[in-house]
C-alpha atoms as a PDB file:
ATOM      1  CA  UNK A   1     -15.890  -8.548  83.189  1.00  0.00           C
ATOM      2  CA  UNK A   2     -16.489  -5.221  84.888  1.00  0.00           C
ATOM      3  CA  UNK A   3     -18.621  -2.619  83.144  1.00  0.00           C
ATOM      4  CA  UNK A   4     -16.210   0.127  84.262  1.00  0.00           C
ATOM      5  CA  UNK A   5     -14.620   2.090  81.441  1.00  0.00           C
ATOM      6  CA  UNK A   6     -10.910   1.403  81.025  1.00  0.00           C
ATOM      7  CA  UNK A   7      -8.642   4.283  80.040  1.00  0.00           C
ATOM      8  CA  UNK A   8      -5.013   3.837  79.026  1.00  0.00           C
ATOM      9  CA  UNK A   9      -2.420   6.589  78.666  1.00  0.00           C
ATOM     10  CA  UNK A  10       0.219   5.472  76.171  1.00  0.00           C
ATOM     11  CA  UNK A  11       3.460   7.409  75.761  1.00  0.00           C
ATOM     12  CA  UNK A  12       5.471   7.143  72.571  1.00  0.00           C
ATOM     13  CA  UNK A  13       2.299   6.361  70.624  1.00  0.00           C
ATOM     14  CA  UNK A  14       3.496   8.039  67.398  1.00  0.00           C
ATOM     15  CA  UNK A  15       5.100   4.829  66.161  1.00  0.00           C
ATOM     16  CA  UNK A  16       6.887   1.600  66.923  1.00  0.00           C
ATOM     17  CA  UNK A  17       6.176  -0.227  70.167  1.00  0.00           C
ATOM     18  CA  UNK A  18       4.124   2.647  71.625  1.00  0.00           C
ATOM     19  CA  UNK A  19       1.848   2.678  68.595  1.00  0.00           C
ATOM     20  CA  UNK A  20       1.425  -1.094  68.696  1.00  0.00           C
ATOM     21  CA  UNK A  21       0.554  -0.968  72.402  1.00  0.00           C
ATOM     22  CA  UNK A  22      -2.006   1.807  71.846  1.00  0.00           C
ATOM     23  CA  UNK A  23      -3.682  -0.114  69.014  1.00  0.00           C
ATOM     24  CA  UNK A  24      -3.772  -3.352  71.030  1.00  0.00           C
ATOM     25  CA  UNK A  25      -5.202  -1.676  74.136  1.00  0.00           C
ATOM     26  CA  UNK A  26      -7.925  -0.081  72.008  1.00  0.00           C
ATOM     27  CA  UNK A  27      -8.699  -3.448  70.422  1.00  0.00           C
ATOM     28  CA  UNK A  28      -9.051  -4.849  73.944  1.00  0.00           C
ATOM     29  CA  UNK A  29     -11.683  -2.206  74.763  1.00  0.00           C
ATOM     30  CA  UNK A  30      -9.676   0.588  76.381  1.00  0.00           C
ATOM     31  CA  UNK A  31     -10.130   4.236  75.541  1.00  0.00           C
ATOM     32  CA  UNK A  32      -6.621   5.342  74.593  1.00  0.00           C
ATOM     33  CA  UNK A  33      -4.982   8.671  75.349  1.00  0.00           C
ATOM     34  CA  UNK A  34      -2.108   8.585  72.865  1.00  0.00           C
ATOM     35  CA  UNK A  35       0.823  10.897  73.641  1.00  0.00           C
ATOM     36  CA  UNK A  36       4.128  11.621  71.947  1.00  0.00           C
ATOM     37  CA  UNK A  37       6.548  14.435  71.118  1.00  0.00           C
ATOM     38  CA  UNK A  38       4.990  14.282  67.639  1.00  0.00           C
ATOM     39  CA  UNK A  39       1.189  14.330  67.726  1.00  0.00           C
ATOM     40  CA  UNK A  40       0.145  10.695  67.156  1.00  0.00           C
ATOM     41  CA  UNK A  41      -2.776  11.421  64.815  1.00  0.00           C
ATOM     42  CA  UNK A  42      -2.092   8.377  62.615  1.00  0.00           C
ATOM     43  CA  UNK A  43      -2.316   6.063  65.613  1.00  0.00           C
ATOM     44  CA  UNK A  44      -5.612   7.594  66.709  1.00  0.00           C
ATOM     45  CA  UNK A  45      -6.987   7.419  63.171  1.00  0.00           C
ATOM     46  CA  UNK A  46      -6.168   3.703  62.990  1.00  0.00           C
ATOM     47  CA  UNK A  47      -7.862   3.094  66.348  1.00  0.00           C
ATOM     48  CA  UNK A  48     -11.006   5.008  65.414  1.00  0.00           C
ATOM     49  CA  UNK A  49     -11.248   3.348  61.990  1.00  0.00           C
ATOM     50  CA  UNK A  50     -11.113  -0.027  63.755  1.00  0.00           C
ATOM     51  CA  UNK A  51     -14.038   1.017  65.979  1.00  0.00           C
ATOM     52  CA  UNK A  52     -12.064   2.074  69.057  1.00  0.00           C
ATOM     53  CA  UNK A  53     -11.903   5.290  71.041  1.00  0.00           C
ATOM     54  CA  UNK A  54      -8.786   7.451  71.261  1.00  0.00           C
ATOM     55  CA  UNK A  55      -7.490  11.000  71.473  1.00  0.00           C
ATOM     56  CA  UNK A  56      -4.037  12.341  70.588  1.00  0.00           C
ATOM     57  CA  UNK A  57      -1.893  14.776  72.563  1.00  0.00           C
ATOM     58  CA  UNK A  58       1.447  16.202  71.571  1.00  0.00           C
ATOM     59  CA  UNK A  59       3.471  16.491  74.759  1.00  0.00           C
ATOM     60  CA  UNK A  60       6.745  15.688  76.455  1.00  0.00           C
ATOM     61  CA  UNK A  61       5.866  13.439  79.373  1.00  0.00           C
ATOM     62  CA  UNK A  62       9.062  14.505  81.164  1.00  0.00           C
ATOM     63  CA  UNK A  63       7.843  18.122  81.418  1.00  0.00           C
ATOM     64  CA  UNK A  64       5.234  18.854  84.086  1.00  0.00           C
ATOM     65  CA  UNK A  65       4.085  21.965  82.233  1.00  0.00           C
ATOM     66  CA  UNK A  66       3.004  19.851  79.266  1.00  0.00           C
ATOM     67  CA  UNK A  67       0.660  17.831  81.499  1.00  0.00           C
ATOM     68  CA  UNK A  68      -0.984  21.060  82.711  1.00  0.00           C
ATOM     69  CA  UNK A  69      -2.117  22.101  79.243  1.00  0.00           C
END
């Protein structure tokens, strides 16, 4: 296994499949950047409480201006 840090950007991380993917990636050792139209704080809280690393961003991935914030 490489010692390089793995970072995953997960869209739709507020709930459902996106949330499940974010939680699984964190459990597998990735730092998760959780994004959604609704700030995915609950997802990030679950990841951190389980010992993972994550940050939440409220943004619309279809809008370039949101990525520039």
